[in-house]
Amino acid sequence: MQLEDIPSWIDVGGMMVNNDIAWRKSTFSQGGDCLEWVIGSDGVYIRDSKDPAGARLSFTHSEWKAFIAGVKGGEADLGRPGIGDASTG
């Protein structure tokens, strides 16, 4: 049996991942508004949990690390001036 014959294996940006077990979701997710991610050897991929076969975003490891550092540092907090208010263009 070939890897591509197994329906749960999908090609994500040239990296084969198991669609059933590799994708992760935050434990803070509530309802259906969730993003899932998988960390591969060549990058990090994000998808909408409601549309697992749909479009995906891809990031390098360094981009992902910078994003996570910014989130942990409060740069994406709602209610922070300039985020989620009328002043953002």
N, C-alpha and C. Protein backbone atom coordinates (compact mmCIF):
# COMPACT_ATOMS: atom_id res chain seq x y z
N MET A 1 0.85 -1.18 0.00
CA MET A 1 0.00 0.00 0.00
C MET A 1 0.89 1.24 0.00
N GLN A 2 0.54 2.20 -0.83
CA GLN A 2 1.28 3.45 -0.91
C GLN A 2 0.69 4.47 0.07
N LEU A 3 1.51 5.40 0.52
CA LEU A 3 1.07 6.43 1.44
C LEU A 3 -0.13 7.20 0.88
N GLU A 4 -0.10 7.51 -0.43
CA GLU A 4 -1.19 8.28 -1.02
C GLU A 4 -2.50 7.48 -1.09
N ASP A 5 -2.45 6.16 -0.90
CA ASP A 5 -3.66 5.34 -0.90
C ASP A 5 -4.42 5.43 0.42
N ILE A 6 -3.79 5.98 1.43
CA ILE A 6 -4.42 6.10 2.73
C ILE A 6 -5.09 7.47 2.79
N PRO A 7 -6.43 7.53 2.83
CA PRO A 7 -7.13 8.81 2.72
C PRO A 7 -6.76 9.84 3.77
N SER A 8 -6.33 9.41 4.95
CA SER A 8 -6.05 10.38 6.00
C SER A 8 -4.73 11.11 5.79
N TRP A 9 -3.87 10.64 4.88
CA TRP A 9 -2.60 11.31 4.60
C TRP A 9 -2.80 12.33 3.50
N ILE A 10 -2.39 13.58 3.76
CA ILE A 10 -2.54 14.64 2.78
C ILE A 10 -1.21 15.37 2.60
N ASP A 11 -1.06 15.97 1.44
CA ASP A 11 0.13 16.76 1.13
C ASP A 11 -0.13 18.19 1.55
N VAL A 12 0.65 18.69 2.48
CA VAL A 12 0.54 20.07 2.95
C VAL A 12 1.83 20.77 2.61
N GLY A 13 1.82 21.53 1.55
CA GLY A 13 3.01 22.27 1.16
C GLY A 13 4.20 21.37 0.90
N GLY A 14 3.97 20.20 0.33
CA GLY A 14 5.06 19.28 0.05
C GLY A 14 5.42 18.37 1.21
N MET A 15 4.74 18.52 2.35
CA MET A 15 4.99 17.68 3.51
C MET A 15 3.78 16.79 3.73
N MET A 16 3.96 15.49 3.82
CA MET A 16 2.86 14.58 4.07
C MET A 16 2.55 14.55 5.56
N VAL A 17 1.29 14.85 5.89
CA VAL A 17 0.88 14.81 7.29
C VAL A 17 -0.38 13.96 7.40
N ASN A 18 -0.55 13.36 8.56
CA ASN A 18 -1.73 12.55 8.81
C ASN A 18 -2.87 13.48 9.20
N ASN A 19 -3.87 13.55 8.36
CA ASN A 19 -4.99 14.47 8.55
C ASN A 19 -5.77 14.17 9.82
N ASP A 20 -5.69 12.95 10.34
CA ASP A 20 -6.46 12.57 11.51
C ASP A 20 -5.75 12.88 12.84
N ILE A 21 -4.43 12.84 12.86
CA ILE A 21 -3.76 12.96 14.16
C ILE A 21 -2.76 14.10 14.26
N ALA A 22 -2.27 14.64 13.17
CA ALA A 22 -1.20 15.62 13.25
C ALA A 22 -1.68 17.03 13.56
N TRP A 23 -2.89 17.38 13.17
CA TRP A 23 -3.37 18.75 13.38
C TRP A 23 -3.72 18.96 14.83
N ARG A 24 -3.35 20.14 15.35
CA ARG A 24 -3.59 20.46 16.76
C ARG A 24 -4.52 21.66 16.86
N LYS A 25 -5.27 21.71 17.95
CA LYS A 25 -6.19 22.80 18.19
C LYS A 25 -5.99 23.28 19.63
N SER A 26 -6.12 24.57 19.84
CA SER A 26 -5.95 25.12 21.18
C SER A 26 -6.98 24.55 22.14
N THR A 27 -6.56 24.31 23.35
CA THR A 27 -7.49 23.87 24.38
C THR A 27 -8.42 25.01 24.79
N PHE A 28 -8.11 26.24 24.36
CA PHE A 28 -8.97 27.39 24.65
C PHE A 28 -10.07 27.56 23.61
N SER A 29 -10.07 26.75 22.56
CA SER A 29 -11.07 26.86 21.50
C SER A 29 -12.45 26.57 22.05
N GLN A 30 -13.42 27.36 21.60
CA GLN A 30 -14.80 27.15 22.02
C GLN A 30 -15.69 27.22 20.80
N GLY A 31 -16.67 26.36 20.74
CA GLY A 31 -17.57 26.36 19.60
C GLY A 31 -16.85 25.92 18.35
N GLY A 32 -17.28 26.47 17.21
CA GLY A 32 -16.69 26.06 15.94
C GLY A 32 -15.69 27.03 15.37
N ASP A 33 -15.37 28.10 16.09
CA ASP A 33 -14.45 29.11 15.58
C ASP A 33 -13.02 28.76 15.97
N CYS A 34 -12.45 27.76 15.29
CA CYS A 34 -11.15 27.26 15.68
C CYS A 34 -10.18 27.23 14.51
N LEU A 35 -8.95 27.48 14.83
CA LEU A 35 -7.86 27.25 13.89
C LEU A 35 -7.10 26.04 14.36
N GLU A 36 -6.57 25.28 13.42
CA GLU A 36 -5.73 24.13 13.74
C GLU A 36 -4.38 24.34 13.08
N TRP A 37 -3.34 23.75 13.66
CA TRP A 37 -2.01 23.88 13.10
C TRP A 37 -1.27 22.57 13.16
N VAL A 38 -0.29 22.47 12.29
CA VAL A 38 0.62 21.33 12.31
C VAL A 38 2.03 21.89 12.12
N ILE A 39 2.95 21.40 12.91
CA ILE A 39 4.35 21.84 12.81
C ILE A 39 5.12 20.75 12.09
N GLY A 40 5.69 21.12 10.96
CA GLY A 40 6.46 20.19 10.16
C GLY A 40 7.94 20.53 10.16
N SER A 41 8.70 19.74 9.49
CA SER A 41 10.15 19.96 9.45
C SER A 41 10.50 21.21 8.67
N ASP A 42 9.61 21.64 7.76
CA ASP A 42 9.92 22.80 6.92
C ASP A 42 9.05 24.01 7.22
N GLY A 43 8.14 23.94 8.18
CA GLY A 43 7.30 25.08 8.49
C GLY A 43 6.09 24.72 9.32
N VAL A 44 5.23 25.70 9.51
CA VAL A 44 4.00 25.55 10.28
C VAL A 44 2.84 25.87 9.36
N TYR A 45 1.79 25.06 9.42
CA TYR A 45 0.64 25.23 8.55
C TYR A 45 -0.61 25.40 9.41
N ILE A 46 -1.50 26.30 8.98
CA ILE A 46 -2.73 26.61 9.71
C ILE A 46 -3.91 26.39 8.79
N ARG A 47 -5.00 25.85 9.35
CA ARG A 47 -6.23 25.67 8.59
C ARG A 47 -7.43 25.99 9.47
N ASP A 48 -8.57 26.18 8.84
CA ASP A 48 -9.84 26.40 9.53
C ASP A 48 -10.41 25.03 9.89
N SER A 49 -10.71 24.81 11.15
CA SER A 49 -11.20 23.49 11.58
C SER A 49 -12.54 23.15 10.94
N LYS A 50 -13.32 24.14 10.52
CA LYS A 50 -14.60 23.86 9.88
C LYS A 50 -14.44 23.44 8.43
N ASP A 51 -13.26 23.68 7.85
CA ASP A 51 -13.01 23.36 6.44
C ASP A 51 -11.61 22.73 6.31
N PRO A 52 -11.43 21.52 6.86
CA PRO A 52 -10.09 20.92 6.88
C PRO A 52 -9.48 20.67 5.51
N ALA A 53 -10.30 20.58 4.48
CA ALA A 53 -9.76 20.37 3.13
C ALA A 53 -9.54 21.68 2.40
N GLY A 54 -9.88 22.79 3.03
CA GLY A 54 -9.79 24.10 2.39
C GLY A 54 -8.38 24.69 2.40
N ALA A 55 -8.32 25.97 2.16
CA ALA A 55 -7.05 26.69 2.07
C ALA A 55 -6.27 26.64 3.39
N ARG A 56 -4.97 26.71 3.26
CA ARG A 56 -4.09 26.70 4.42
C ARG A 56 -3.10 27.86 4.31
N LEU A 57 -2.69 28.35 5.46
CA LEU A 57 -1.62 29.34 5.52
C LEU A 57 -0.35 28.61 5.91
N SER A 58 0.78 29.09 5.42
CA SER A 58 2.04 28.46 5.80
C SER A 58 3.01 29.54 6.29
N PHE A 59 3.82 29.17 7.27
CA PHE A 59 4.79 30.05 7.87
C PHE A 59 6.10 29.31 8.08
N THR A 60 7.20 30.03 7.99
CA THR A 60 8.49 29.42 8.35
C THR A 60 8.53 29.28 9.87
N HIS A 61 9.47 28.48 10.35
CA HIS A 61 9.60 28.32 11.81
C HIS A 61 9.91 29.67 12.47
N SER A 62 10.76 30.49 11.85
CA SER A 62 11.11 31.78 12.46
C SER A 62 9.91 32.72 12.48
N GLU A 63 9.07 32.69 11.43
CA GLU A 63 7.86 33.52 11.43
C GLU A 63 6.92 33.07 12.54
N TRP A 64 6.76 31.76 12.70
CA TRP A 64 5.87 31.22 13.74
C TRP A 64 6.37 31.60 15.12
N LYS A 65 7.68 31.47 15.35
CA LYS A 65 8.24 31.83 16.66
C LYS A 65 8.00 33.31 16.97
N ALA A 66 8.16 34.18 15.96
CA ALA A 66 7.92 35.62 16.16
C ALA A 66 6.45 35.88 16.47
N PHE A 67 5.56 35.19 15.77
CA PHE A 67 4.12 35.35 16.02
C PHE A 67 3.77 34.94 17.45
N ILE A 68 4.24 33.76 17.86
CA ILE A 68 3.95 33.26 19.21
C ILE A 68 4.51 34.20 20.27
N ALA A 69 5.72 34.71 20.05
CA ALA A 69 6.32 35.65 21.01
C ALA A 69 5.47 36.91 21.11
N GLY A 70 4.96 37.41 19.98
CA GLY A 70 4.11 38.59 20.01
C GLY A 70 2.80 38.34 20.74
N VAL A 71 2.19 37.18 20.51
CA VAL A 71 0.95 36.84 21.21
C VAL A 71 1.21 36.75 22.71
N LYS A 72 2.27 36.05 23.09
CA LYS A 72 2.59 35.93 24.51
C LYS A 72 2.90 37.28 25.14
N GLY A 73 3.44 38.20 24.34
CA GLY A 73 3.77 39.54 24.82
C GLY A 73 2.59 40.50 24.83
N GLY A 74 1.41 40.03 24.43
CA GLY A 74 0.22 40.85 24.47
C GLY A 74 -0.03 41.68 23.23
N GLU A 75 0.76 41.50 22.18
CA GLU A 75 0.61 42.32 20.98
C GLU A 75 -0.70 42.09 20.25
N ALA A 76 -1.38 40.98 20.48
CA ALA A 76 -2.63 40.69 19.78
C ALA A 76 -3.84 40.75 20.70
N ASP A 77 -3.67 41.29 21.91
CA ASP A 77 -4.77 41.34 22.86
C ASP A 77 -5.87 42.27 22.36
N LEU A 78 -7.11 41.77 22.35
CA LEU A 78 -8.25 42.62 22.02
C LEU A 78 -8.41 43.65 23.14
N GLY A 79 -8.80 44.85 22.77
CA GLY A 79 -8.93 45.91 23.75
C GLY A 79 -7.68 46.76 23.86
N ARG A 80 -6.60 46.29 23.32
CA ARG A 80 -5.37 47.08 23.29
C ARG A 80 -5.58 48.21 22.27
N PRO A 81 -5.10 49.42 22.54
CA PRO A 81 -5.29 50.53 21.59
C PRO A 81 -4.82 50.14 20.18
N GLY A 82 -5.70 50.38 19.20
CA GLY A 82 -5.37 50.10 17.83
C GLY A 82 -5.76 48.70 17.37
N ILE A 83 -6.24 47.86 18.28
CA ILE A 83 -6.63 46.49 17.90
C ILE A 83 -8.13 46.34 18.12
N GLY A 84 -8.81 46.01 17.04
CA GLY A 84 -10.25 45.75 17.13
C GLY A 84 -11.10 46.97 17.36
N ASP A 85 -10.57 48.17 17.07
CA ASP A 85 -11.39 49.35 17.23
C ASP A 85 -11.41 50.14 15.92
N ALA A 86 -12.12 51.23 15.91
CA ALA A 86 -12.30 52.01 14.67
C ALA A 86 -11.02 52.66 14.19
N SER A 87 -9.99 52.73 15.03
CA SER A 87 -8.75 53.40 14.61
C SER A 87 -7.90 52.54 13.68
N THR A 88 -8.23 51.25 13.57
CA THR A 88 -7.47 50.39 12.65
C THR A 88 -8.05 50.53 11.27
N GLY A 89 -7.17 50.65 10.29
CA GLY A 89 -7.63 50.90 8.93
C GLY A 89 -7.81 49.69 8.19
